[in-house]
Amino acid sequence: MGFASIRGHQTVRRLLQRAVAHDRLPPCLLFTGPDGVGKRLTAVALAARINCESRPDPDEESADACGTCGACGRIARDMHPDVILIAPEESGAIKVDTIRGAVAQAAYRPFEGRRRVVIIDEADRMVGEAQNALLKTLEEPPPGSVFLLVTARPHQLLVTVRSRCPALRFGGVSAEDTAELLVTEHGLAREAARAAAVASDGSVGAALEAESDAYVEARDSAATALQALARARNPKQRLETAKTLVSARRGKKSSPAADRETLGRRLRAMAALLRDLQLVATGGATSGLAHADLESDLQALSRGFDAPRARQGFATVDRALHALSRNASPKVVVDWLALRL
């Protein structure tokens, strides 16, 4: 796992490689940007570049981890003693004891690598007490450690935490890069890969999800909701439709975190469908559809969602997703959405 395996983000990668080469890497960094674009993978690639046993030329700014030495292999398998990867627990939170344990480890010299790297994925899931436990370490970082906070929702971190971590912003991955990755590394047919890439809105994670049963369920749920909203005559019918978007997936355990994730998936699928509806409603080339297999359904639905309504609907769903990311109540989000689509 090295920088060469990361799709897109050339500017961010060059900045990190240059910082390592000149020994100017800050003791803590905040990786921000949309979900599924490669922030965590970049953090792991940085950990590998720092601790690679092949010892790349320190003066070569483009040097990368070798990907074949023992250290690179252990980092890729999350088994390196000096690379600590923290992620939310089943409850959806990162608790204070987890952060205290990582802080305690970071206080000691690296066991075998050059620097200890602590990666906190979905750092916004740290409870307030955990963020406060991390704060003192960010104020006075141990000399042999680097803290990498990864999040798509930096506004949910304490201002004092954000102020101590220089931020690197990740944008979306191009549809071309996403499609190529799906073909070469995941074995998708090129046409299916292109459709998934177009629907992903720059997120490789969303593109991979587009080939999963979870995405199919989300897309079906979103399409059913749009059909109902196209026929709805009054607010009561719209609010009844909203309930279907927040209901748990059949046969799946329900929890607040899981329900929020399911709703986010359904809203992203709805946004992709509305994008396709704009294309259909304006008579655009159907070769550009993200959901070419639903062309006949989209043609029928476009009678209820003309181009202006589909365009406004896309913007409305985007606002709903933003509100959801800021921890708004899922019920409030879908009720608001249903009344405006």
C-alpha atoms as a PDB file:
ATOM      1  CA  MET A   1       0.000   0.000   0.000  1.00  0.00           C
ATOM      2  CA  GLY A   2       1.717   3.155  -1.242  1.00  0.00           C
ATOM      3  CA  PHE A   3       0.808   6.531  -2.705  1.00  0.00           C
ATOM      4  CA  ALA A   4       0.942   5.028  -6.197  1.00  0.00           C
ATOM      5  CA  SER A   5      -2.118   2.918  -5.373  1.00  0.00           C
ATOM      6  CA  ILE A   6      -4.232   5.998  -4.548  1.00  0.00           C
ATOM      7  CA  ARG A   7      -6.475   7.254  -7.349  1.00  0.00           C
ATOM      8  CA  GLY A   8      -6.568  11.022  -7.801  1.00  0.00           C
ATOM      9  CA  HIS A   9      -5.501  13.567  -5.147  1.00  0.00           C
ATOM     10  CA  GLN A  10      -2.175  14.250  -6.870  1.00  0.00           C
ATOM     11  CA  THR A  11      -1.655  17.582  -5.083  1.00  0.00           C
ATOM     12  CA  VAL A  12      -2.256  16.071  -1.630  1.00  0.00           C
ATOM     13  CA  ARG A  13       0.042  13.140  -2.387  1.00  0.00           C
ATOM     14  CA  ARG A  14       2.852  15.419  -3.574  1.00  0.00           C
ATOM     15  CA  LEU A  15       2.541  17.597  -0.469  1.00  0.00           C
ATOM     16  CA  LEU A  16       2.792  14.579   1.828  1.00  0.00           C
ATOM     17  CA  GLN A  17       5.699  13.002  -0.055  1.00  0.00           C
ATOM     18  CA  ARG A  18       7.583  16.303  -0.025  1.00  0.00           C
ATOM     19  CA  ALA A  19       6.937  16.776   3.707  1.00  0.00           C
ATOM     20  CA  VAL A  20       8.289  13.287   4.519  1.00  0.00           C
ATOM     21  CA  ALA A  21      11.299  13.743   2.232  1.00  0.00           C
ATOM     22  CA  HIS A  22      12.281  17.004   3.956  1.00  0.00           C
ATOM     23  CA  ASP A  23      11.306  15.831   7.455  1.00  0.00           C
ATOM     24  CA  ARG A  24       8.674  18.555   7.726  1.00  0.00           C
ATOM     25  CA  LEU A  25       5.617  16.443   8.378  1.00  0.00           C
ATOM     26  CA  PRO A  26       3.447  18.090  11.075  1.00  0.00           C
ATOM     27  CA  PRO A  27       2.849  15.975  14.189  1.00  0.00           C
ATOM     28  CA  CYS A  28      -0.900  16.003  13.502  1.00  0.00           C
ATOM     29  CA  LEU A  29      -2.967  16.390  10.334  1.00  0.00           C
ATOM     30  CA  LEU A  30      -6.662  16.514   9.536  1.00  0.00           C
ATOM     31  CA  PHE A  31      -7.745  14.754   6.327  1.00  0.00           C
ATOM     32  CA  THR A  32     -11.150  16.098   5.248  1.00  0.00           C
ATOM     33  CA  GLY A  33     -13.365  15.571   2.223  1.00  0.00           C
ATOM     34  CA  PRO A  34     -16.322  13.496   1.027  1.00  0.00           C
ATOM     35  CA  ASP A  35     -16.871   9.924   2.170  1.00  0.00           C
ATOM     36  CA  GLY A  36     -15.248   7.176   0.154  1.00  0.00           C
ATOM     37  CA  VAL A  37     -12.669   9.208  -1.784  1.00  0.00           C
ATOM     38  CA  GLY A  38      -9.514   7.638  -0.306  1.00  0.00           C
ATOM     39  CA  LYS A  39      -8.678   9.678   2.803  1.00  0.00           C
ATOM     40  CA  ARG A  40      -8.086   6.640   5.025  1.00  0.00           C
ATOM     41  CA  LEU A  41      -6.131   4.857   2.297  1.00  0.00           C
ATOM     42  CA  THR A  42      -3.914   7.928   1.946  1.00  0.00           C
ATOM     43  CA  ALA A  43      -3.322   7.940   5.708  1.00  0.00           C
ATOM     44  CA  VAL A  44      -2.257   4.277   5.561  1.00  0.00           C
ATOM     45  CA  ALA A  45      -0.031   5.011   2.535  1.00  0.00           C
ATOM     46  CA  LEU A  46       1.616   7.817   4.513  1.00  0.00           C
ATOM     47  CA  ALA A  47       2.226   5.454   7.437  1.00  0.00           C
ATOM     48  CA  ALA A  48       3.844   2.998   5.015  1.00  0.00           C
ATOM     49  CA  ARG A  49       6.030   5.715   3.440  1.00  0.00           C
ATOM     50  CA  ILE A  50       7.256   6.750   6.891  1.00  0.00           C
ATOM     51  CA  ASN A  51       8.023   3.232   8.129  1.00  0.00           C
ATOM     52  CA  CYS A  52       8.980   1.339   4.942  1.00  0.00           C
ATOM     53  CA  GLU A  53      12.021  -0.857   5.582  1.00  0.00           C
ATOM     54  CA  SER A  54      13.474  -0.201   2.124  1.00  0.00           C
ATOM     55  CA  ARG A  55      14.400   3.281   3.378  1.00  0.00           C
ATOM     56  CA  PRO A  56      13.613   5.318   0.241  1.00  0.00           C
ATOM     57  CA  ASP A  57      16.085   8.065  -0.610  1.00  0.00           C
ATOM     58  CA  PRO A  58      15.209  10.771   1.938  1.00  0.00           C
ATOM     59  CA  ASP A  59      16.001  13.514  -0.592  1.00  0.00           C
ATOM     60  CA  GLU A  60      13.733  12.123  -3.304  1.00  0.00           C
ATOM     61  CA  GLU A  61      10.417  13.950  -3.063  1.00  0.00           C
ATOM     62  CA  SER A  62       8.564  11.393  -5.162  1.00  0.00           C
ATOM     63  CA  ALA A  63       9.803   8.398  -3.124  1.00  0.00           C
ATOM     64  CA  ASP A  64       7.112   5.925  -2.130  1.00  0.00           C
ATOM     65  CA  ALA A  65       6.790   2.888   0.121  1.00  0.00           C
ATOM     66  CA  CYS A  66       8.007  -0.275  -1.588  1.00  0.00           C
ATOM     67  CA  GLY A  67       4.879  -2.272  -0.789  1.00  0.00           C
ATOM     68  CA  THR A  68       6.837  -5.519  -0.495  1.00  0.00           C
ATOM     69  CA  CYS A  69       8.920  -5.327   2.684  1.00  0.00           C
ATOM     70  CA  GLY A  70       7.799  -6.773   5.995  1.00  0.00           C
ATOM     71  CA  ALA A  71       6.749  -3.396   7.378  1.00  0.00           C
ATOM     72  CA  CYS A  72       4.633  -2.530   4.330  1.00  0.00           C
ATOM     73  CA  GLY A  73       2.966  -5.936   4.492  1.00  0.00           C
ATOM     74  CA  ARG A  74       2.147  -5.628   8.177  1.00  0.00           C
ATOM     75  CA  ILE A  75       0.787  -2.111   7.724  1.00  0.00           C
ATOM     76  CA  ALA A  76      -1.457  -3.299   4.888  1.00  0.00           C
ATOM     77  CA  ARG A  77      -2.773  -6.085   7.171  1.00  0.00           C
ATOM     78  CA  ASP A  78      -3.189  -3.693  10.128  1.00  0.00           C
ATOM     79  CA  MET A  79      -0.630  -5.669  12.137  1.00  0.00           C
ATOM     80  CA  HIS A  80       2.256  -3.211  12.472  1.00  0.00           C
ATOM     81  CA  PRO A  81       3.008  -2.360  16.131  1.00  0.00           C
ATOM     82  CA  ASP A  82       3.741   1.272  15.309  1.00  0.00           C
ATOM     83  CA  VAL A  83       0.674   1.969  13.174  1.00  0.00           C
ATOM     84  CA  ILE A  84      -2.529   2.255  15.219  1.00  0.00           C
ATOM     85  CA  LEU A  85      -5.774   2.374  13.248  1.00  0.00           C
ATOM     86  CA  ILE A  86      -8.814   3.460  15.265  1.00  0.00           C
ATOM     87  CA  ALA A  87     -12.361   3.215  13.876  1.00  0.00           C
ATOM     88  CA  PRO A  88     -15.846   3.517  15.392  1.00  0.00           C
ATOM     89  CA  GLU A  89     -17.088   0.587  17.440  1.00  0.00           C
ATOM     90  CA  GLU A  90     -20.364  -1.251  16.861  1.00  0.00           C
ATOM     91  CA  SER A  91     -22.169   1.506  18.732  1.00  0.00           C
ATOM     92  CA  GLY A  92     -20.988   3.946  16.052  1.00  0.00           C
ATOM     93  CA  ALA A  93     -18.824   5.921  18.504  1.00  0.00           C
ATOM     94  CA  ILE A  94     -15.136   6.121  19.359  1.00  0.00           C
ATOM     95  CA  LYS A  95     -14.953   6.017  23.141  1.00  0.00           C
ATOM     96  CA  VAL A  96     -12.593   7.756  25.511  1.00  0.00           C
ATOM     97  CA  ASP A  97     -10.837   4.551  26.658  1.00  0.00           C
ATOM     98  CA  THR A  98      -9.830   3.789  23.063  1.00  0.00           C
ATOM     99  CA  ILE A  99      -8.278   7.226  22.640  1.00  0.00           C
ATOM    100  CA  ARG A 100      -6.545   7.082  26.016  1.00  0.00           C
ATOM    101  CA  GLY A 101      -4.997   3.750  25.049  1.00  0.00           C
ATOM    102  CA  ALA A 102      -3.667   5.157  21.767  1.00  0.00           C
ATOM    103  CA  VAL A 103      -2.330   8.281  23.491  1.00  0.00           C
ATOM    104  CA  ALA A 104      -0.524   6.096  26.042  1.00  0.00           C
ATOM    105  CA  GLN A 105       1.114   4.043  23.264  1.00  0.00           C
ATOM    106  CA  ALA A 106       2.112   7.159  21.339  1.00  0.00           C
ATOM    107  CA  ALA A 107       4.013   8.488  24.339  1.00  0.00           C
ATOM    108  CA  TYR A 108       6.673   5.768  23.921  1.00  0.00           C
ATOM    109  CA  ARG A 109       9.367   5.409  21.282  1.00  0.00           C
ATOM    110  CA  PRO A 110       8.373   3.443  18.157  1.00  0.00           C
ATOM    111  CA  PHE A 111       8.829  -0.307  18.591  1.00  0.00           C
ATOM    112  CA  GLU A 112      10.427  -0.999  15.206  1.00  0.00           C
ATOM    113  CA  GLY A 113       9.525   1.819  12.808  1.00  0.00           C
ATOM    114  CA  ARG A 114      10.786   5.346  12.424  1.00  0.00           C
ATOM    115  CA  ARG A 115       7.641   6.986  13.773  1.00  0.00           C
ATOM    116  CA  ARG A 116       4.473   5.787  15.430  1.00  0.00           C
ATOM    117  CA  VAL A 117       1.402   6.718  13.338  1.00  0.00           C
ATOM    118  CA  VAL A 118      -2.060   6.940  14.928  1.00  0.00           C
ATOM    119  CA  ILE A 119      -4.863   7.005  12.340  1.00  0.00           C
ATOM    120  CA  ILE A 120      -8.308   7.921  13.671  1.00  0.00           C
ATOM    121  CA  ASP A 121     -10.819   7.066  10.947  1.00  0.00           C
ATOM    122  CA  GLU A 122     -14.198   8.831  11.128  1.00  0.00           C
ATOM    123  CA  ALA A 123     -12.699  11.048  13.805  1.00  0.00           C
ATOM    124  CA  ASP A 124     -15.980  12.948  14.092  1.00  0.00           C
ATOM    125  CA  ARG A 125     -17.377   9.847  15.842  1.00  0.00           C
ATOM    126  CA  MET A 126     -15.174  10.515  18.882  1.00  0.00           C
ATOM    127  CA  VAL A 127     -17.363  11.327  21.864  1.00  0.00           C
ATOM    128  CA  GLY A 128     -16.667  14.686  23.510  1.00  0.00           C
ATOM    129  CA  GLU A 129     -14.677  13.127  26.343  1.00  0.00           C
ATOM    130  CA  ALA A 130     -12.497  11.273  23.821  1.00  0.00           C
ATOM    131  CA  GLN A 131     -11.787  14.485  21.917  1.00  0.00           C
ATOM    132  CA  ASN A 132     -10.804  16.213  25.134  1.00  0.00           C
ATOM    133  CA  ALA A 133      -8.518  13.280  26.009  1.00  0.00           C
ATOM    134  CA  LEU A 134      -6.790  13.709  22.650  1.00  0.00           C
ATOM    135  CA  LEU A 135      -6.517  17.474  22.910  1.00  0.00           C
ATOM    136  CA  LYS A 136      -3.571  17.649  25.337  1.00  0.00           C
ATOM    137  CA  THR A 137      -1.554  15.294  23.139  1.00  0.00           C
ATOM    138  CA  LEU A 138      -2.293  17.447  20.079  1.00  0.00           C
ATOM    139  CA  GLU A 139      -1.096  20.482  22.034  1.00  0.00           C
ATOM    140  CA  GLU A 140       2.177  18.774  23.016  1.00  0.00           C
ATOM    141  CA  PRO A 141       2.688  15.882  20.535  1.00  0.00           C
ATOM    142  CA  PRO A 142       5.330  13.263  21.377  1.00  0.00           C
ATOM    143  CA  PRO A 143       8.344  13.671  19.078  1.00  0.00           C
ATOM    144  CA  GLY A 144       8.164  10.135  17.649  1.00  0.00           C
ATOM    145  CA  SER A 145       4.474  10.089  16.767  1.00  0.00           C
ATOM    146  CA  VAL A 146       2.125  11.411  14.091  1.00  0.00           C
ATOM    147  CA  PHE A 147      -1.660  11.723  14.514  1.00  0.00           C
ATOM    148  CA  LEU A 148      -3.846  11.577  11.398  1.00  0.00           C
ATOM    149  CA  LEU A 149      -7.528  12.457  11.885  1.00  0.00           C
ATOM    150  CA  VAL A 150      -9.734  11.360   8.986  1.00  0.00           C
ATOM    151  CA  THR A 151     -13.270  12.704   8.615  1.00  0.00           C
ATOM    152  CA  ALA A 152     -15.940  13.791   6.155  1.00  0.00           C
ATOM    153  CA  ARG A 153     -17.542  15.908   8.888  1.00  0.00           C
ATOM    154  CA  PRO A 154     -14.831  18.120  10.434  1.00  0.00           C
ATOM    155  CA  HIS A 155     -17.466  20.511  11.829  1.00  0.00           C
ATOM    156  CA  GLN A 156     -18.370  17.812  14.375  1.00  0.00           C
ATOM    157  CA  LEU A 157     -14.903  17.995  15.903  1.00  0.00           C
ATOM    158  CA  LEU A 158     -14.201  20.439  18.710  1.00  0.00           C
ATOM    159  CA  VAL A 159     -12.894  23.770  17.468  1.00  0.00           C
ATOM    160  CA  THR A 160      -9.868  23.320  19.734  1.00  0.00           C
ATOM    161  CA  VAL A 161      -9.086  19.973  18.066  1.00  0.00           C
ATOM    162  CA  ARG A 162      -9.440  21.385  14.546  1.00  0.00           C
ATOM    163  CA  SER A 163      -7.282  24.394  15.357  1.00  0.00           C
ATOM    164  CA  ARG A 164      -4.317  22.176  16.273  1.00  0.00           C
ATOM    165  CA  CYS A 165      -4.382  20.050  13.107  1.00  0.00           C
ATOM    166  CA  PRO A 166      -3.409  21.504   9.721  1.00  0.00           C
ATOM    167  CA  ALA A 167      -6.107  20.363   7.289  1.00  0.00           C
ATOM    168  CA  LEU A 168      -5.676  18.716   3.902  1.00  0.00           C
ATOM    169  CA  ARG A 169      -8.821  18.808   1.767  1.00  0.00           C
ATOM    170  CA  PHE A 170      -9.593  15.846  -0.497  1.00  0.00           C
ATOM    171  CA  GLY A 171     -11.890  16.362  -3.481  1.00  0.00           C
ATOM    172  CA  GLY A 172     -13.828  13.761  -5.430  1.00  0.00           C
ATOM    173  CA  VAL A 173     -12.167  11.211  -7.707  1.00  0.00           C
ATOM    174  CA  SER A 174     -12.831  11.660 -11.427  1.00  0.00           C
ATOM    175  CA  ALA A 175     -15.281   9.264 -13.078  1.00  0.00           C
ATOM    176  CA  GLU A 176     -12.480   8.096 -15.380  1.00  0.00           C
ATOM    177  CA  ASP A 177     -10.157   7.208 -12.485  1.00  0.00           C
ATOM    178  CA  THR A 178     -12.994   5.563 -10.582  1.00  0.00           C
ATOM    179  CA  ALA A 179     -14.068   3.444 -13.549  1.00  0.00           C
ATOM    180  CA  GLU A 180     -10.477   2.381 -14.232  1.00  0.00           C
ATOM    181  CA  LEU A 181     -10.037   1.301 -10.613  1.00  0.00           C
ATOM    182  CA  LEU A 182     -13.270  -0.722 -10.696  1.00  0.00           C
ATOM    183  CA  VAL A 183     -12.118  -2.500 -13.859  1.00  0.00           C
ATOM    184  CA  THR A 184      -8.487  -3.162 -12.973  1.00  0.00           C
ATOM    185  CA  GLU A 185      -8.746  -3.859  -9.236  1.00  0.00           C
ATOM    186  CA  HIS A 186     -12.288  -5.155  -8.762  1.00  0.00           C
ATOM    187  CA  GLY A 187     -12.947  -6.968 -12.027  1.00  0.00           C
ATOM    188  CA  LEU A 188     -16.077  -5.095 -13.095  1.00  0.00           C
ATOM    189  CA  ALA A 189     -17.099  -5.002 -16.727  1.00  0.00           C
ATOM    190  CA  ARG A 190     -16.184  -1.637 -18.222  1.00  0.00           C
ATOM    191  CA  GLU A 191     -19.793  -0.602 -18.933  1.00  0.00           C
ATOM    192  CA  ALA A 192     -20.914  -1.462 -15.391  1.00  0.00           C
ATOM    193  CA  ALA A 193     -17.839   0.283 -13.969  1.00  0.00           C
ATOM    194  CA  ARG A 194     -18.594   3.440 -15.920  1.00  0.00           C
ATOM    195  CA  ALA A 195     -22.217   3.470 -14.739  1.00  0.00           C
ATOM    196  CA  ALA A 196     -21.148   3.010 -11.116  1.00  0.00           C
ATOM    197  CA  ALA A 197     -18.504   5.739 -11.477  1.00  0.00           C
ATOM    198  CA  VAL A 198     -20.983   8.233 -12.921  1.00  0.00           C
ATOM    199  CA  ALA A 199     -23.437   7.544 -10.089  1.00  0.00           C
ATOM    200  CA  SER A 200     -20.768   7.806  -7.381  1.00  0.00           C
ATOM    201  CA  ASP A 201     -20.323  11.595  -7.473  1.00  0.00           C
ATOM    202  CA  GLY A 202     -16.563  11.301  -7.009  1.00  0.00           C
ATOM    203  CA  SER A 203     -16.642   8.650  -4.254  1.00  0.00           C
ATOM    204  CA  VAL A 204     -14.865   5.366  -4.955  1.00  0.00           C
ATOM    205  CA  GLY A 205     -16.590   3.907  -1.908  1.00  0.00           C
ATOM    206  CA  ALA A 206     -19.998   4.842  -3.318  1.00  0.00           C
ATOM    207  CA  ALA A 207     -19.031   3.340  -6.690  1.00  0.00           C
ATOM    208  CA  LEU A 208     -18.140   0.039  -5.043  1.00  0.00           C
ATOM    209  CA  GLU A 209     -21.361   0.222  -3.058  1.00  0.00           C
ATOM    210  CA  ALA A 210     -23.268   0.681  -6.321  1.00  0.00           C
ATOM    211  CA  GLU A 211     -22.484  -2.935  -7.156  1.00  0.00           C
ATOM    212  CA  SER A 212     -23.672  -4.239  -3.798  1.00  0.00           C
ATOM    213  CA  ASP A 213     -27.033  -5.587  -2.627  1.00  0.00           C
ATOM    214  CA  ALA A 214     -27.235  -2.656  -0.194  1.00  0.00           C
ATOM    215  CA  TYR A 215     -27.070  -0.161  -3.045  1.00  0.00           C
ATOM    216  CA  VAL A 216     -29.655  -2.060  -5.095  1.00  0.00           C
ATOM    217  CA  GLU A 217     -32.006  -1.951  -2.100  1.00  0.00           C
ATOM    218  CA  ALA A 218     -31.316   1.763  -1.640  1.00  0.00           C
ATOM    219  CA  ARG A 219     -31.905   2.493  -5.318  1.00  0.00           C
ATOM    220  CA  ASP A 220     -35.171   0.547  -5.338  1.00  0.00           C
ATOM    221  CA  SER A 221     -36.323   2.350  -2.196  1.00  0.00           C
ATOM    222  CA  ALA A 222     -35.419   5.743  -3.667  1.00  0.00           C
ATOM    223  CA  ALA A 223     -37.131   4.978  -6.983  1.00  0.00           C
ATOM    224  CA  THR A 224     -40.307   3.829  -5.191  1.00  0.00           C
ATOM    225  CA  ALA A 225     -40.309   7.003  -3.103  1.00  0.00           C
ATOM    226  CA  LEU A 226     -39.900   9.215  -6.192  1.00  0.00           C
ATOM    227  CA  GLN A 227     -42.763   7.426  -7.931  1.00  0.00           C
ATOM    228  CA  ALA A 228     -45.002   7.942  -4.894  1.00  0.00           C
ATOM    229  CA  LEU A 229     -44.028  11.601  -4.587  1.00  0.00           C
ATOM    230  CA  ALA A 230     -44.748  12.185  -8.278  1.00  0.00           C
ATOM    231  CA  ARG A 231     -48.346  11.006  -7.645  1.00  0.00           C
ATOM    232  CA  ALA A 232     -48.830  12.526  -4.163  1.00  0.00           C
ATOM    233  CA  ARG A 233     -51.674  15.037  -4.007  1.00  0.00           C
ATOM    234  CA  ASN A 234     -51.374  16.329  -0.467  1.00  0.00           C
ATOM    235  CA  PRO A 235     -48.869  16.713   2.402  1.00  0.00           C
ATOM    236  CA  LYS A 236     -50.244  13.678   4.248  1.00  0.00           C
ATOM    237  CA  GLN A 237     -49.375  11.379   1.332  1.00  0.00           C
ATOM    238  CA  ARG A 238     -45.906  12.915   1.110  1.00  0.00           C
ATOM    239  CA  LEU A 239     -45.220  12.376   4.805  1.00  0.00           C
ATOM    240  CA  GLU A 240     -46.381   8.758   4.501  1.00  0.00           C
ATOM    241  CA  THR A 241     -43.843   8.303   1.720  1.00  0.00           C
ATOM    242  CA  ALA A 242     -41.151   9.836   3.936  1.00  0.00           C
ATOM    243  CA  LYS A 243     -41.620   6.984   6.412  1.00  0.00           C
ATOM    244  CA  THR A 244     -40.485   4.444   3.807  1.00  0.00           C
ATOM    245  CA  LEU A 245     -37.113   6.179   3.505  1.00  0.00           C
ATOM    246  CA  VAL A 246     -36.298   5.907   7.206  1.00  0.00           C
ATOM    247  CA  SER A 247     -37.579   2.372   7.761  1.00  0.00           C
ATOM    248  CA  ALA A 248     -34.879  -0.222   8.477  1.00  0.00           C
ATOM    249  CA  ARG A 249     -33.845  -2.669   5.769  1.00  0.00           C
ATOM    250  CA  ARG A 250     -35.835  -5.883   5.981  1.00  0.00           C
ATOM    251  CA  GLY A 251     -34.028  -8.541   7.981  1.00  0.00           C
ATOM    252  CA  LYS A 252     -31.399  -6.119   9.278  1.00  0.00           C
ATOM    253  CA  LYS A 253     -30.777  -5.089  12.864  1.00  0.00           C
ATOM    254  CA  SER A 254     -31.728  -1.518  13.577  1.00  0.00           C
ATOM    255  CA  SER A 255     -29.673   1.034  15.497  1.00  0.00           C
ATOM    256  CA  PRO A 256     -29.465   4.834  15.229  1.00  0.00           C
ATOM    257  CA  ALA A 257     -26.094   4.624  13.449  1.00  0.00           C
ATOM    258  CA  ALA A 258     -27.268   1.902  11.047  1.00  0.00           C
ATOM    259  CA  ASP A 259     -30.527   3.733  10.298  1.00  0.00           C
ATOM    260  CA  ARG A 260     -28.616   6.942   9.557  1.00  0.00           C
ATOM    261  CA  GLU A 261     -26.243   5.055   7.247  1.00  0.00           C
ATOM    262  CA  THR A 262     -29.171   3.401   5.428  1.00  0.00           C
ATOM    263  CA  LEU A 263     -30.911   6.745   4.946  1.00  0.00           C
ATOM    264  CA  GLY A 264     -27.720   8.332   3.644  1.00  0.00           C
ATOM    265  CA  ARG A 265     -27.362   5.505   1.128  1.00  0.00           C
ATOM    266  CA  ARG A 266     -30.970   5.931  -0.029  1.00  0.00           C
ATOM    267  CA  LEU A 267     -30.578   9.683  -0.408  1.00  0.00           C
ATOM    268  CA  ARG A 268     -27.379   9.287  -2.445  1.00  0.00           C
ATOM    269  CA  ALA A 269     -29.208   6.810  -4.685  1.00  0.00           C
ATOM    270  CA  MET A 270     -32.087   9.281  -5.033  1.00  0.00           C
ATOM    271  CA  ALA A 271     -29.665  12.020  -6.067  1.00  0.00           C
ATOM    272  CA  ALA A 272     -28.219   9.747  -8.768  1.00  0.00           C
ATOM    273  CA  LEU A 273     -31.713   8.938 -10.044  1.00  0.00           C
ATOM    274  CA  LEU A 274     -32.641  12.624 -10.170  1.00  0.00           C
ATOM    275  CA  ARG A 275     -29.489  13.321 -12.146  1.00  0.00           C
ATOM    276  CA  ASP A 276     -30.564  10.672 -14.657  1.00  0.00           C
ATOM    277  CA  LEU A 277     -34.069  12.150 -14.747  1.00  0.00           C
ATOM    278  CA  GLN A 278     -32.620  15.500 -15.766  1.00  0.00           C
ATOM    279  CA  LEU A 279     -30.854  13.795 -18.654  1.00  0.00           C
ATOM    280  CA  VAL A 280     -33.997  11.925 -19.744  1.00  0.00           C
ATOM    281  CA  ALA A 281     -36.261  14.967 -19.373  1.00  0.00           C
ATOM    282  CA  THR A 282     -34.014  17.119 -21.561  1.00  0.00           C
ATOM    283  CA  GLY A 283     -33.661  14.445 -24.241  1.00  0.00           C
ATOM    284  CA  GLY A 284     -29.977  13.891 -23.578  1.00  0.00           C
ATOM    285  CA  ALA A 285     -28.033  10.880 -24.798  1.00  0.00           C
ATOM    286  CA  THR A 286     -29.078   7.858 -22.772  1.00  0.00           C
ATOM    287  CA  SER A 287     -25.508   6.549 -23.020  1.00  0.00           C
ATOM    288  CA  GLY A 288     -24.744   8.965 -20.198  1.00  0.00           C
ATOM    289  CA  LEU A 289     -27.248   7.412 -17.795  1.00  0.00           C
ATOM    290  CA  ALA A 290     -25.812   6.063 -14.562  1.00  0.00           C
ATOM    291  CA  HIS A 291     -28.732   3.606 -14.375  1.00  0.00           C
ATOM    292  CA  ALA A 292     -29.096   2.499 -17.971  1.00  0.00           C
ATOM    293  CA  ASP A 293     -30.939  -0.634 -16.834  1.00  0.00           C
ATOM    294  CA  LEU A 294     -33.760   1.592 -15.539  1.00  0.00           C
ATOM    295  CA  GLU A 295     -34.172   3.625 -18.723  1.00  0.00           C
ATOM    296  CA  SER A 296     -37.821   2.659 -19.296  1.00  0.00           C
ATOM    297  CA  ASP A 297     -38.682   3.367 -15.641  1.00  0.00           C
ATOM    298  CA  LEU A 298     -36.912   6.720 -15.852  1.00  0.00           C
ATOM    299  CA  GLN A 299     -38.806   7.613 -19.015  1.00  0.00           C
ATOM    300  CA  ALA A 300     -42.091   6.956 -17.200  1.00  0.00           C
ATOM    301  CA  LEU A 301     -40.997   8.818 -14.074  1.00  0.00           C
ATOM    302  CA  SER A 302     -39.869  11.839 -16.102  1.00  0.00           C
ATOM    303  CA  ARG A 303     -43.541  12.598 -16.805  1.00  0.00           C
ATOM    304  CA  GLY A 304     -43.840  13.524 -13.123  1.00  0.00           C
ATOM    305  CA  PHE A 305     -40.338  14.982 -12.831  1.00  0.00           C
ATOM    306  CA  ASP A 306     -39.629  17.349 -15.712  1.00  0.00           C
ATOM    307  CA  ALA A 307     -36.169  18.908 -16.057  1.00  0.00           C
ATOM    308  CA  PRO A 308     -36.737  21.887 -13.686  1.00  0.00           C
ATOM    309  CA  ARG A 309     -38.332  19.687 -11.013  1.00  0.00           C
ATOM    310  CA  ALA A 310     -35.589  17.070 -11.308  1.00  0.00           C
ATOM    311  CA  ARG A 311     -32.913  19.768 -11.093  1.00  0.00           C
ATOM    312  CA  GLN A 312     -34.533  21.350  -8.045  1.00  0.00           C
ATOM    313  CA  GLY A 313     -35.014  17.886  -6.534  1.00  0.00           C
ATOM    314  CA  PHE A 314     -31.321  17.112  -6.909  1.00  0.00           C
ATOM    315  CA  ALA A 315     -30.423  20.313  -5.044  1.00  0.00           C
ATOM    316  CA  THR A 316     -32.998  19.496  -2.347  1.00  0.00           C
ATOM    317  CA  VAL A 317     -31.568  16.004  -1.780  1.00  0.00           C
ATOM    318  CA  ASP A 318     -28.075  17.498  -1.586  1.00  0.00           C
ATOM    319  CA  ARG A 319     -29.273  19.844   1.184  1.00  0.00           C
ATOM    320  CA  ALA A 320     -30.891  16.891   2.977  1.00  0.00           C
ATOM    321  CA  LEU A 321     -27.629  14.934   2.857  1.00  0.00           C
ATOM    322  CA  HIS A 322     -25.764  17.928   4.239  1.00  0.00           C
ATOM    323  CA  ALA A 323     -28.248  18.232   7.103  1.00  0.00           C
ATOM    324  CA  LEU A 324     -27.942  14.508   7.818  1.00  0.00           C
ATOM    325  CA  SER A 325     -24.148  14.822   7.966  1.00  0.00           C
ATOM    326  CA  ARG A 326     -24.576  17.553  10.559  1.00  0.00           C
ATOM    327  CA  ASN A 327     -26.480  15.148  12.781  1.00  0.00           C
ATOM    328  CA  ALA A 328     -30.000  16.366  11.988  1.00  0.00           C
ATOM    329  CA  SER A 329     -32.810  13.988  12.924  1.00  0.00           C
ATOM    330  CA  PRO A 330     -33.430  11.494  10.073  1.00  0.00           C
ATOM    331  CA  LYS A 331     -37.207  11.908  10.498  1.00  0.00           C
ATOM    332  CA  VAL A 332     -36.966  15.687  10.280  1.00  0.00           C
ATOM    333  CA  VAL A 333     -34.733  15.389   7.205  1.00  0.00           C
ATOM    334  CA  VAL A 334     -37.051  13.070   5.256  1.00  0.00           C
ATOM    335  CA  ASP A 335     -40.218  14.969   6.237  1.00  0.00           C
ATOM    336  CA  TRP A 336     -38.626  18.209   4.997  1.00  0.00           C
ATOM    337  CA  LEU A 337     -37.444  16.452   1.825  1.00  0.00           C
ATOM    338  CA  ALA A 338     -40.803  14.867   1.037  1.00  0.00           C
ATOM    339  CA  LEU A 339     -42.634  18.179   1.358  1.00  0.00           C
ATOM    340  CA  ARG A 340     -40.259  19.854  -1.118  1.00  0.00           C
ATOM    341  CA  LEU A 341     -39.665  17.291  -3.841  1.00  0.00           C
END
